Amino acid sequence: MPSDMDASKATALARKFLEENFGNITMLLYRIESVEPNSKATIYKVLASILPSVGASERVYYYLIIDIEKADVKEVFIGKEEIQEGKKVIVLTKKPLIDDKSEK
């Protein structure tokens, strides 16, 4: 069972990641869809969505794998809602992360 404090840390790290990539995400109607623990105690899966631009009709979904112990985003998936077999589903694609350490 995830603790509220750990879930809150994961949410804060997800927000920080999105703000670093998009700026003021509050203007893009940022929304946390879900926060779930992973099999490892310090890893959380956060599903967030934003509108890619003001006035956009479709949300863009970000599925972030976050290590709260290291304060690190481990993996990022990006996707959108589609209708498959009459049901709405979120289709995700893995997005490569830029490893800042390898550039130094």
PDB file of N, CA and C in Angstrom:
ATOM      1  N   MET A   1       0.849  -1.178   0.000  1.00  0.00           N
ATOM      2  CA  MET A   1       0.000   0.000   0.000  1.00  0.00           C
ATOM      3  C   MET A   1       0.898   1.246   0.000  1.00  0.00           C
ATOM      4  N   PRO A   2       0.722   2.127  -0.972  1.00  0.00           N
ATOM      5  CA  PRO A   2       1.572   3.319  -1.024  1.00  0.00           C
ATOM      6  C   PRO A   2       1.209   4.300   0.080  1.00  0.00           C
ATOM      7  N   SER A   3       2.235   4.969   0.593  1.00  0.00           N
ATOM      8  CA  SER A   3       1.943   6.000   1.587  1.00  0.00           C
ATOM      9  C   SER A   3       1.567   7.282   0.857  1.00  0.00           C
ATOM     10  N   ASP A   4       0.744   8.092   1.496  1.00  0.00           N
ATOM     11  CA  ASP A   4       0.347   9.365   0.898  1.00  0.00           C
ATOM     12  C   ASP A   4       1.552  10.266   0.673  1.00  0.00           C
ATOM     13  N   MET A   5       2.521  10.213   1.586  1.00  0.00           N
ATOM     14  CA  MET A   5       3.714  11.049   1.470  1.00  0.00           C
ATOM     15  C   MET A   5       4.541  10.647   0.251  1.00  0.00           C
ATOM     16  N   ASP A   6       4.733   9.347   0.046  1.00  0.00           N
ATOM     17  CA  ASP A   6       5.510   8.878  -1.098  1.00  0.00           C
ATOM     18  C   ASP A   6       4.784   9.176  -2.409  1.00  0.00           C
ATOM     19  N   ALA A   7       3.488   8.997  -2.434  1.00  0.00           N
ATOM     20  CA  ALA A   7       2.709   9.305  -3.638  1.00  0.00           C
ATOM     21  C   ALA A   7       2.794  10.799  -3.942  1.00  0.00           C
ATOM     22  N   SER A   8       2.792  11.613  -2.903  1.00  0.00           N
ATOM     23  CA  SER A   8       2.915  13.062  -3.077  1.00  0.00           C
ATOM     24  C   SER A   8       4.285  13.428  -3.649  1.00  0.00           C
ATOM     25  N   LYS A   9       5.337  12.763  -3.190  1.00  0.00           N
ATOM     26  CA  LYS A   9       6.684  12.997  -3.730  1.00  0.00           C
ATOM     27  C   LYS A   9       6.739  12.630  -5.203  1.00  0.00           C
ATOM     28  N   ALA A  10       6.150  11.495  -5.559  1.00  0.00           N
ATOM     29  CA  ALA A  10       6.130  11.057  -6.949  1.00  0.00           C
ATOM     30  C   ALA A  10       5.382  12.067  -7.821  1.00  0.00           C
ATOM     31  N   THR A  11       4.269  12.562  -7.326  1.00  0.00           N
ATOM     32  CA  THR A  11       3.488  13.556  -8.055  1.00  0.00           C
ATOM     33  C   THR A  11       4.291  14.848  -8.254  1.00  0.00           C
ATOM     34  N   ALA A  12       4.999  15.283  -7.207  1.00  0.00           N
ATOM     35  CA  ALA A  12       5.815  16.500  -7.303  1.00  0.00           C
ATOM     36  C   ALA A  12       6.936  16.335  -8.330  1.00  0.00           C
ATOM     37  N   LEU A  13       7.553  15.157  -8.373  1.00  0.00           N
ATOM     38  CA  LEU A  13       8.615  14.909  -9.351  1.00  0.00           C
ATOM     39  C   LEU A  13       8.049  14.864 -10.772  1.00  0.00           C
ATOM     40  N   ALA A  14       6.863  14.307 -10.934  1.00  0.00           N
ATOM     41  CA  ALA A  14       6.215  14.282 -12.251  1.00  0.00           C
ATOM     42  C   ALA A  14       5.930  15.707 -12.712  1.00  0.00           C
ATOM     43  N   ARG A  15       5.401  16.516 -11.806  1.00  0.00           N
ATOM     44  CA  ARG A  15       5.099  17.914 -12.146  1.00  0.00           C
ATOM     45  C   ARG A  15       6.376  18.663 -12.535  1.00  0.00           C
ATOM     46  N   LYS A  16       7.450  18.462 -11.773  1.00  0.00           N
ATOM     47  CA  LYS A  16       8.728  19.122 -12.069  1.00  0.00           C
ATOM     48  C   LYS A  16       9.221  18.728 -13.462  1.00  0.00           C
ATOM     49  N   PHE A  17       9.147  17.441 -13.786  1.00  0.00           N
ATOM     50  CA  PHE A  17       9.577  16.965 -15.101  1.00  0.00           C
ATOM     51  C   PHE A  17       8.764  17.640 -16.211  1.00  0.00           C
ATOM     52  N   LEU A  18       7.455  17.677 -16.050  1.00  0.00           N
ATOM     53  CA  LEU A  18       6.600  18.281 -17.076  1.00  0.00           C
ATOM     54  C   LEU A  18       6.849  19.784 -17.198  1.00  0.00           C
ATOM     55  N   GLU A  19       7.062  20.471 -16.075  1.00  0.00           N
ATOM     56  CA  GLU A  19       7.333  21.905 -16.132  1.00  0.00           C
ATOM     57  C   GLU A  19       8.673  22.201 -16.798  1.00  0.00           C
ATOM     58  N   GLU A  20       9.659  21.326 -16.588  1.00  0.00           N
ATOM     59  CA  GLU A  20      10.957  21.512 -17.248  1.00  0.00           C
ATOM     60  C   GLU A  20      10.832  21.364 -18.759  1.00  0.00           C
ATOM     61  N   ASN A  21       9.856  20.586 -19.204  1.00  0.00           N
ATOM     62  CA  ASN A  21       9.676  20.348 -20.631  1.00  0.00           C
ATOM     63  C   ASN A  21       8.636  21.256 -21.279  1.00  0.00           C
ATOM     64  N   PHE A  22       7.680  21.762 -20.509  1.00  0.00           N
ATOM     65  CA  PHE A  22       6.583  22.538 -21.089  1.00  0.00           C
ATOM     66  C   PHE A  22       6.381  23.912 -20.478  1.00  0.00           C
ATOM     67  N   GLY A  23       7.095  24.266 -19.442  1.00  0.00           N
ATOM     68  CA  GLY A  23       6.872  25.552 -18.797  1.00  0.00           C
ATOM     69  C   GLY A  23       5.718  25.465 -17.809  1.00  0.00           C
ATOM     70  N   ASN A  24       4.923  26.486 -17.755  1.00  0.00           N
ATOM     71  CA  ASN A  24       3.817  26.567 -16.799  1.00  0.00           C
ATOM     72  C   ASN A  24       2.707  25.596 -17.185  1.00  0.00           C
ATOM     73  N   ILE A  25       2.709  24.415 -16.589  1.00  0.00           N
ATOM     74  CA  ILE A  25       1.724  23.399 -16.969  1.00  0.00           C
ATOM     75  C   ILE A  25       0.344  23.668 -16.408  1.00  0.00           C
ATOM     76  N   THR A  26       0.248  24.580 -15.442  1.00  0.00           N
ATOM     77  CA  THR A  26      -1.075  24.949 -14.942  1.00  0.00           C
ATOM     78  C   THR A  26      -1.893  25.583 -16.055  1.00  0.00           C
ATOM     79  N   MET A  27      -1.233  26.344 -16.918  1.00  0.00           N
ATOM     80  CA  MET A  27      -1.916  26.962 -18.058  1.00  0.00           C
ATOM     81  C   MET A  27      -2.391  25.910 -19.059  1.00  0.00           C
ATOM     82  N   LEU A  28      -1.761  24.742 -19.046  1.00  0.00           N
ATOM     83  CA  LEU A  28      -2.123  23.659 -19.968  1.00  0.00           C
ATOM     84  C   LEU A  28      -3.089  22.670 -19.322  1.00  0.00           C
ATOM     85  N   LEU A  29      -3.725  23.092 -18.237  1.00  0.00           N
ATOM     86  CA  LEU A  29      -4.696  22.272 -17.514  1.00  0.00           C
ATOM     87  C   LEU A  29      -4.137  20.903 -17.156  1.00  0.00           C
ATOM     88  N   TYR A  30      -2.982  20.936 -16.518  1.00  0.00           N
ATOM     89  CA  TYR A  30      -2.285  19.743 -16.016  1.00  0.00           C
ATOM     90  C   TYR A  30      -3.194  18.971 -15.069  1.00  0.00           C
ATOM     91  N   ARG A  31      -3.156  17.653 -15.185  1.00  0.00           N
ATOM     92  CA  ARG A  31      -3.996  16.822 -14.324  1.00  0.00           C
ATOM     93  C   ARG A  31      -3.281  15.499 -14.037  1.00  0.00           C
ATOM     94  N   ILE A  32      -3.260  15.101 -12.768  1.00  0.00           N
ATOM     95  CA  ILE A  32      -2.757  13.770 -12.395  1.00  0.00           C
ATOM     96  C   ILE A  32      -3.929  12.810 -12.543  1.00  0.00           C
ATOM     97  N   GLU A  33      -3.741  11.781 -13.345  1.00  0.00           N
ATOM     98  CA  GLU A  33      -4.799  10.791 -13.575  1.00  0.00           C
ATOM     99  C   GLU A  33      -4.721   9.652 -12.562  1.00  0.00           C
ATOM    100  N   SER A  34      -3.496   9.200 -12.249  1.00  0.00           N
ATOM    101  CA  SER A  34      -3.331   8.123 -11.274  1.00  0.00           C
ATOM    102  C   SER A  34      -1.893   8.073 -10.774  1.00  0.00           C
ATOM    103  N   VAL A  35      -1.726   7.528  -9.571  1.00  0.00           N
ATOM    104  CA  VAL A  35      -0.415   7.285  -8.972  1.00  0.00           C
ATOM    105  C   VAL A  35      -0.472   5.886  -8.379  1.00  0.00           C
ATOM    106  N   GLU A  36       0.459   5.024  -8.813  1.00  0.00           N
ATOM    107  CA  GLU A  36       0.462   3.635  -8.353  1.00  0.00           C
ATOM    108  C   GLU A  36       1.868   3.220  -7.950  1.00  0.00           C
ATOM    109  N   PRO A  37       1.992   2.411  -6.912  1.00  0.00           N
ATOM    110  CA  PRO A  37       3.312   1.893  -6.552  1.00  0.00           C
ATOM    111  C   PRO A  37       3.735   0.811  -7.535  1.00  0.00           C
ATOM    112  N   ASN A  38       5.034   0.648  -7.681  1.00  0.00           N
ATOM    113  CA  ASN A  38       5.580  -0.429  -8.496  1.00  0.00           C
ATOM    114  C   ASN A  38       5.970  -1.554  -7.549  1.00  0.00           C
ATOM    115  N   SER A  39       6.590  -2.602  -8.052  1.00  0.00           N
ATOM    116  CA  SER A  39       6.989  -3.716  -7.194  1.00  0.00           C
ATOM    117  C   SER A  39       8.087  -3.308  -6.206  1.00  0.00           C
ATOM    118  N   LYS A  40       8.909  -2.342  -6.589  1.00  0.00           N
ATOM    119  CA  LYS A  40       9.944  -1.835  -5.682  1.00  0.00           C
ATOM    120  C   LYS A  40       9.352  -0.674  -4.884  1.00  0.00           C
ATOM    121  N   ALA A  41       9.631  -0.622  -3.612  1.00  0.00           N
ATOM    122  CA  ALA A  41       8.996   0.332  -2.702  1.00  0.00           C
ATOM    123  C   ALA A  41       9.210   1.794  -3.071  1.00  0.00           C
ATOM    124  N   THR A  42      10.330   2.125  -3.709  1.00  0.00           N
ATOM    125  CA  THR A  42      10.608   3.533  -4.002  1.00  0.00           C
ATOM    126  C   THR A  42      10.211   3.945  -5.417  1.00  0.00           C
ATOM    127  N   ILE A  43       9.668   3.021  -6.198  1.00  0.00           N
ATOM    128  CA  ILE A  43       9.295   3.313  -7.588  1.00  0.00           C
ATOM    129  C   ILE A  43       7.783   3.510  -7.688  1.00  0.00           C
ATOM    130  N   TYR A  44       7.391   4.600  -8.325  1.00  0.00           N
ATOM    131  CA  TYR A  44       5.972   4.893  -8.531  1.00  0.00           C
ATOM    132  C   TYR A  44       5.694   5.132 -10.003  1.00  0.00           C
ATOM    133  N   LYS A  45       4.485   4.792 -10.422  1.00  0.00           N
ATOM    134  CA  LYS A  45       4.025   5.026 -11.790  1.00  0.00           C
ATOM    135  C   LYS A  45       2.983   6.142 -11.722  1.00  0.00           C
ATOM    136  N   VAL A  46       3.260   7.241 -12.417  1.00  0.00           N
ATOM    137  CA  VAL A  46       2.367   8.399 -12.397  1.00  0.00           C
ATOM    138  C   VAL A  46       1.832   8.621 -13.810  1.00  0.00           C
ATOM    139  N   LEU A  47       0.526   8.685 -13.928  1.00  0.00           N
ATOM    140  CA  LEU A  47      -0.113   9.014 -15.199  1.00  0.00           C
ATOM    141  C   LEU A  47      -0.645  10.432 -15.078  1.00  0.00           C
ATOM    142  N   ALA A  48      -0.127  11.322 -15.918  1.00  0.00           N
ATOM    143  CA  ALA A  48      -0.551  12.721 -15.918  1.00  0.00           C
ATOM    144  C   ALA A  48      -0.982  13.093 -17.327  1.00  0.00           C
ATOM    145  N   SER A  49      -1.777  14.134 -17.426  1.00  0.00           N
ATOM    146  CA  SER A  49      -2.175  14.610 -18.750  1.00  0.00           C
ATOM    147  C   SER A  49      -2.152  16.123 -18.787  1.00  0.00           C
ATOM    148  N   ILE A  50      -1.916  16.649 -19.993  1.00  0.00           N
ATOM    149  CA  ILE A  50      -1.963  18.093 -20.226  1.00  0.00           C
ATOM    150  C   ILE A  50      -2.630  18.334 -21.567  1.00  0.00           C
ATOM    151  N   LEU A  51      -3.063  19.563 -21.779  1.00  0.00           N
ATOM    152  CA  LEU A  51      -3.476  19.983 -23.113  1.00  0.00           C
ATOM    153  C   LEU A  51      -2.211  20.520 -23.776  1.00  0.00           C
ATOM    154  N   PRO A  52      -1.851  20.049 -24.970  1.00  0.00           N
ATOM    155  CA  PRO A  52      -0.582  20.448 -25.574  1.00  0.00           C
ATOM    156  C   PRO A  52      -0.503  21.936 -25.917  1.00  0.00           C
ATOM    157  N   SER A  53      -1.646  22.581 -26.062  1.00  0.00           N
ATOM    158  CA  SER A  53      -1.678  24.018 -26.307  1.00  0.00           C
ATOM    159  C   SER A  53      -3.025  24.551 -25.830  1.00  0.00           C
ATOM    160  N   VAL A  54      -3.068  25.830 -25.567  1.00  0.00           N
ATOM    161  CA  VAL A  54      -4.307  26.438 -25.111  1.00  0.00           C
ATOM    162  C   VAL A  54      -5.357  26.281 -26.207  1.00  0.00           C
ATOM    163  N   GLY A  55      -6.510  25.751 -25.831  1.00  0.00           N
ATOM    164  CA  GLY A  55      -7.590  25.555 -26.790  1.00  0.00           C
ATOM    165  C   GLY A  55      -7.593  24.193 -27.471  1.00  0.00           C
ATOM    166  N   ALA A  56      -6.589  23.349 -27.190  1.00  0.00           N
ATOM    167  CA  ALA A  56      -6.541  22.010 -27.795  1.00  0.00           C
ATOM    168  C   ALA A  56      -7.706  21.174 -27.279  1.00  0.00           C
ATOM    169  N   SER A  57      -8.193  20.272 -28.122  1.00  0.00           N
ATOM    170  CA  SER A  57      -9.343  19.455 -27.716  1.00  0.00           C
ATOM    171  C   SER A  57      -8.943  18.097 -27.149  1.00  0.00           C
ATOM    172  N   GLU A  58      -7.739  17.624 -27.451  1.00  0.00           N
ATOM    173  CA  GLU A  58      -7.308  16.312 -26.970  1.00  0.00           C
ATOM    174  C   GLU A  58      -6.158  16.450 -25.988  1.00  0.00           C
ATOM    175  N   ARG A  59      -6.230  15.677 -24.915  1.00  0.00           N
ATOM    176  CA  ARG A  59      -5.175  15.676 -23.913  1.00  0.00           C
ATOM    177  C   ARG A  59      -4.022  14.777 -24.375  1.00  0.00           C
ATOM    178  N   VAL A  60      -2.809  15.121 -23.944  1.00  0.00           N
ATOM    179  CA  VAL A  60      -1.638  14.284 -24.153  1.00  0.00           C
ATOM    180  C   VAL A  60      -1.315  13.659 -22.803  1.00  0.00           C
ATOM    181  N   TYR A  61      -1.097  12.353 -22.802  1.00  0.00           N
ATOM    182  CA  TYR A  61      -0.867  11.614 -21.558  1.00  0.00           C
ATOM    183  C   TYR A  61       0.619  11.291 -21.406  1.00  0.00           C
ATOM    184  N   TYR A  62       1.106  11.450 -20.182  1.00  0.00           N
ATOM    185  CA  TYR A  62       2.475  11.105 -19.827  1.00  0.00           C
ATOM    186  C   TYR A  62       2.431  10.080 -18.713  1.00  0.00           C
ATOM    187  N   TYR A  63       3.077   8.949 -18.965  1.00  0.00           N
ATOM    188  CA  TYR A  63       3.177   7.871 -17.983  1.00  0.00           C
ATOM    189  C   TYR A  63       4.633   7.869 -17.541  1.00  0.00           C
ATOM    190  N   LEU A  64       4.868   8.264 -16.304  1.00  0.00           N
ATOM    191  CA  LEU A  64       6.223   8.440 -15.803  1.00  0.00           C
ATOM    192  C   LEU A  64       6.541   7.388 -14.743  1.00  0.00           C
ATOM    193  N   ILE A  65       7.686   6.744 -14.891  1.00  0.00           N
ATOM    194  CA  ILE A  65       8.190   5.818 -13.883  1.00  0.00           C
ATOM    195  C   ILE A  65       9.203   6.610 -13.066  1.00  0.00           C
ATOM    196  N   ILE A  66       8.904   6.768 -11.761  1.00  0.00           N
ATOM    197  CA  ILE A  66       9.681   7.673 -10.921  1.00  0.00           C
ATOM    198  C   ILE A  66      10.251   6.945  -9.712  1.00  0.00           C
ATOM    199  N   ASP A  67      11.537   7.179  -9.463  1.00  0.00           N
ATOM    200  CA  ASP A  67      12.202   6.657  -8.269  1.00  0.00           C
ATOM    201  C   ASP A  67      12.254   7.803  -7.249  1.00  0.00           C
ATOM    202  N   ILE A  68      11.415   7.715  -6.225  1.00  0.00           N
ATOM    203  CA  ILE A  68      11.359   8.815  -5.253  1.00  0.00           C
ATOM    204  C   ILE A  68      12.595   8.859  -4.368  1.00  0.00           C
ATOM    205  N   GLU A  69      13.262   7.729  -4.183  1.00  0.00           N
ATOM    206  CA  GLU A  69      14.470   7.696  -3.355  1.00  0.00           C
ATOM    207  C   GLU A  69      15.600   8.497  -4.013  1.00  0.00           C
ATOM    208  N   LYS A  70      15.738   8.355  -5.326  1.00  0.00           N
ATOM    209  CA  LYS A  70      16.787   9.065  -6.070  1.00  0.00           C
ATOM    210  C   LYS A  70      16.283  10.370  -6.678  1.00  0.00           C
ATOM    211  N   ALA A  71      14.988  10.663  -6.519  1.00  0.00           N
ATOM    212  CA  ALA A  71      14.358  11.852  -7.113  1.00  0.00           C
ATOM    213  C   ALA A  71      14.643  11.903  -8.606  1.00  0.00           C
ATOM    214  N   ASP A  72      14.343  10.783  -9.271  1.00  0.00           N
ATOM    215  CA  ASP A  72      14.718  10.614 -10.673  1.00  0.00           C
ATOM    216  C   ASP A  72      13.556  10.050 -11.486  1.00  0.00           C
ATOM    217  N   VAL A  73      13.389  10.578 -12.682  1.00  0.00           N
ATOM    218  CA  VAL A  73      12.427  10.008 -13.632  1.00  0.00           C
ATOM    219  C   VAL A  73      13.174   8.937 -14.412  1.00  0.00           C
ATOM    220  N   LYS A  74      12.759   7.677 -14.259  1.00  0.00           N
ATOM    221  CA  LYS A  74      13.456   6.546 -14.869  1.00  0.00           C
ATOM    222  C   LYS A  74      13.030   6.316 -16.318  1.00  0.00           C
ATOM    223  N   GLU A  75      11.710   6.406 -16.583  1.00  0.00           N
ATOM    224  CA  GLU A  75      11.183   6.174 -17.921  1.00  0.00           C
ATOM    225  C   GLU A  75       9.999   7.100 -18.169  1.00  0.00           C
ATOM    226  N   VAL A  76       9.810   7.447 -19.434  1.00  0.00           N
ATOM    227  CA  VAL A  76       8.690   8.296 -19.815  1.00  0.00           C
ATOM    228  C   VAL A  76       8.011   7.684 -21.033  1.00  0.00           C
ATOM    229  N   PHE A  77       6.694   7.617 -20.962  1.00  0.00           N
ATOM    230  CA  PHE A  77       5.887   7.181 -22.086  1.00  0.00           C
ATOM    231  C   PHE A  77       4.918   8.315 -22.408  1.00  0.00           C
ATOM    232  N   ILE A  78       4.670   8.540 -23.681  1.00  0.00           N
ATOM    233  CA  ILE A  78       3.761   9.595 -24.102  1.00  0.00           C
ATOM    234  C   ILE A  78       2.673   8.963 -24.963  1.00  0.00           C
ATOM    235  N   GLY A  79       1.467   9.479 -24.860  1.00  0.00           N
ATOM    236  CA  GLY A  79       0.399   8.884 -25.647  1.00  0.00           C
ATOM    237  C   GLY A  79      -0.844   9.737 -25.712  1.00  0.00           C
ATOM    238  N   LYS A  80      -1.850   9.164 -26.339  1.00  0.00           N
ATOM    239  CA  LYS A  80      -3.135   9.843 -26.462  1.00  0.00           C
ATOM    240  C   LYS A  80      -4.253   8.830 -26.375  1.00  0.00           C
ATOM    241  N   GLU A  81      -5.439   9.342 -26.171  1.00  0.00           N
ATOM    242  CA  GLU A  81      -6.612   8.480 -26.069  1.00  0.00           C
ATOM    243  C   GLU A  81      -7.088   8.099 -27.467  1.00  0.00           C
ATOM    244  N   GLU A  82      -7.381   6.823 -27.646  1.00  0.00           N
ATOM    245  CA  GLU A  82      -7.927   6.320 -28.904  1.00  0.00           C
ATOM    246  C   GLU A  82      -9.087   5.392 -28.593  1.00  0.00           C
ATOM    247  N   ILE A  83      -9.913   5.170 -29.577  1.00  0.00           N
ATOM    248  CA  ILE A  83     -11.011   4.215 -29.422  1.00  0.00           C
ATOM    249  C   ILE A  83     -10.602   2.929 -30.116  1.00  0.00           C
ATOM    250  N   GLN A  84     -10.558   1.848 -29.339  1.00  0.00           N
ATOM    251  CA  GLN A  84     -10.224   0.523 -29.865  1.00  0.00           C
ATOM    252  C   GLN A  84     -11.309  -0.438 -29.424  1.00  0.00           C
ATOM    253  N   GLU A  85     -11.901  -1.100 -30.374  1.00  0.00           N
ATOM    254  CA  GLU A  85     -12.982  -2.053 -30.111  1.00  0.00           C
ATOM    255  C   GLU A  85     -14.101  -1.402 -29.297  1.00  0.00           C
ATOM    256  N   GLY A  86     -14.404  -0.150 -29.617  1.00  0.00           N
ATOM    257  CA  GLY A  86     -15.491   0.557 -28.965  1.00  0.00           C
ATOM    258  C   GLY A  86     -15.192   1.103 -27.583  1.00  0.00           C
ATOM    259  N   LYS A  87     -13.940   0.974 -27.117  1.00  0.00           N
ATOM    260  CA  LYS A  87     -13.572   1.462 -25.785  1.00  0.00           C
ATOM    261  C   LYS A  87     -12.447   2.487 -25.903  1.00  0.00           C
ATOM    262  N   LYS A  88     -12.493   3.478 -25.017  1.00  0.00           N
ATOM    263  CA  LYS A  88     -11.409   4.459 -24.967  1.00  0.00           C
ATOM    264  C   LYS A  88     -10.222   3.841 -24.231  1.00  0.00           C
ATOM    265  N   VAL A  89      -9.059   3.906 -24.861  1.00  0.00           N
ATOM    266  CA  VAL A  89      -7.825   3.414 -24.252  1.00  0.00           C
ATOM    267  C   VAL A  89      -6.734   4.456 -24.483  1.00  0.00           C
ATOM    268  N   ILE A  90      -5.749   4.459 -23.627  1.00  0.00           N
ATOM    269  CA  ILE A  90      -4.607   5.348 -23.789  1.00  0.00           C
ATOM    270  C   ILE A  90      -3.485   4.533 -24.415  1.00  0.00           C
ATOM    271  N   VAL A  91      -3.060   4.935 -25.596  1.00  0.00           N
ATOM    272  CA  VAL A  91      -1.990   4.258 -26.320  1.00  0.00           C
ATOM    273  C   VAL A  91      -0.696   5.024 -26.050  1.00  0.00           C
ATOM    274  N   LEU A  92       0.290   4.327 -25.491  1.00  0.00           N
ATOM    275  CA  LEU A  92       1.540   4.955 -25.060  1.00  0.00           C
ATOM    276  C   LEU A  92       2.724   4.482 -25.885  1.00  0.00           C
ATOM    277  N   THR A  93       3.694   5.377 -26.072  1.00  0.00           N
ATOM    278  CA  THR A  93       4.949   5.072 -26.749  1.00  0.00           C
ATOM    279  C   THR A  93       6.080   5.560 -25.861  1.00  0.00           C
ATOM    280  N   LYS A  94       7.113   4.735 -25.721  1.00  0.00           N
ATOM    281  CA  LYS A  94       8.248   5.128 -24.881  1.00  0.00           C
ATOM    282  C   LYS A  94       8.986   6.298 -25.514  1.00  0.00           C
ATOM    283  N   LYS A  95       9.311   7.279 -24.681  1.00  0.00           N
ATOM    284  CA  LYS A  95      10.029   8.465 -25.118  1.00  0.00           C
ATOM    285  C   LYS A  95      11.447   8.383 -24.559  1.00  0.00           C
ATOM    286  N   PRO A  96      12.465   8.546 -25.410  1.00  0.00           N
ATOM    287  CA  PRO A  96      13.835   8.485 -24.881  1.00  0.00           C
ATOM    288  C   PRO A  96      14.129   9.659 -23.957  1.00  0.00           C
ATOM    289  N   LEU A  97      14.869   9.380 -22.900  1.00  0.00           N
ATOM    290  CA  LEU A  97      15.301  10.428 -21.966  1.00  0.00           C
ATOM    291  C   LEU A  97      16.699  10.867 -22.348  1.00  0.00           C
ATOM    292  N   ILE A  98      16.978  12.144 -22.158  1.00  0.00           N
ATOM    293  CA  ILE A  98      18.331  12.657 -22.367  1.00  0.00           C
ATOM    294  C   ILE A  98      19.081  12.491 -21.061  1.00  0.00           C
ATOM    295  N   ASP A  99      20.180  11.768 -21.116  1.00  0.00           N
ATOM    296  CA  ASP A  99      20.976  11.529 -19.913  1.00  0.00           C
ATOM    297  C   ASP A  99      21.996  12.656 -19.789  1.00  0.00           C
ATOM    298  N   ASP A 100      21.709  13.588 -18.879  1.00  0.00           N
ATOM    299  CA  ASP A 100      22.590  14.751 -18.689  1.00  0.00           C
ATOM    300  C   ASP A 100      24.001  14.350 -18.288  1.00  0.00           C
ATOM    301  N   LYS A 101      24.170  13.242 -17.565  1.00  0.00           N
ATOM    302  CA  LYS A 101      25.483  12.822 -17.075  1.00  0.00           C
ATOM    303  C   LYS A 101      26.392  12.423 -18.225  1.00  0.00           C
ATOM    304  N   SER A 102      25.830  11.853 -19.292  1.00  0.00           N
ATOM    305  CA  SER A 102      26.661  11.385 -20.391  1.00  0.00           C
ATOM    306  C   SER A 102      27.193  12.533 -21.243  1.00  0.00           C
ATOM    307  N   GLU A 103      26.579  13.727 -21.143  1.00  0.00           N
ATOM    308  CA  GLU A 103      27.001  14.860 -21.939  1.00  0.00           C
ATOM    309  C   GLU A 103      28.130  15.652 -21.284  1.00  0.00           C
ATOM    310  N   LYS A 104      28.398  15.387 -20.024  1.00  0.00           N
ATOM    311  CA  LYS A 104      29.425  16.165 -19.293  1.00  0.00           C
ATOM    312  C   LYS A 104      30.771  15.502 -19.384  1.00  0.00           C
TER     313      LYS A 104
END
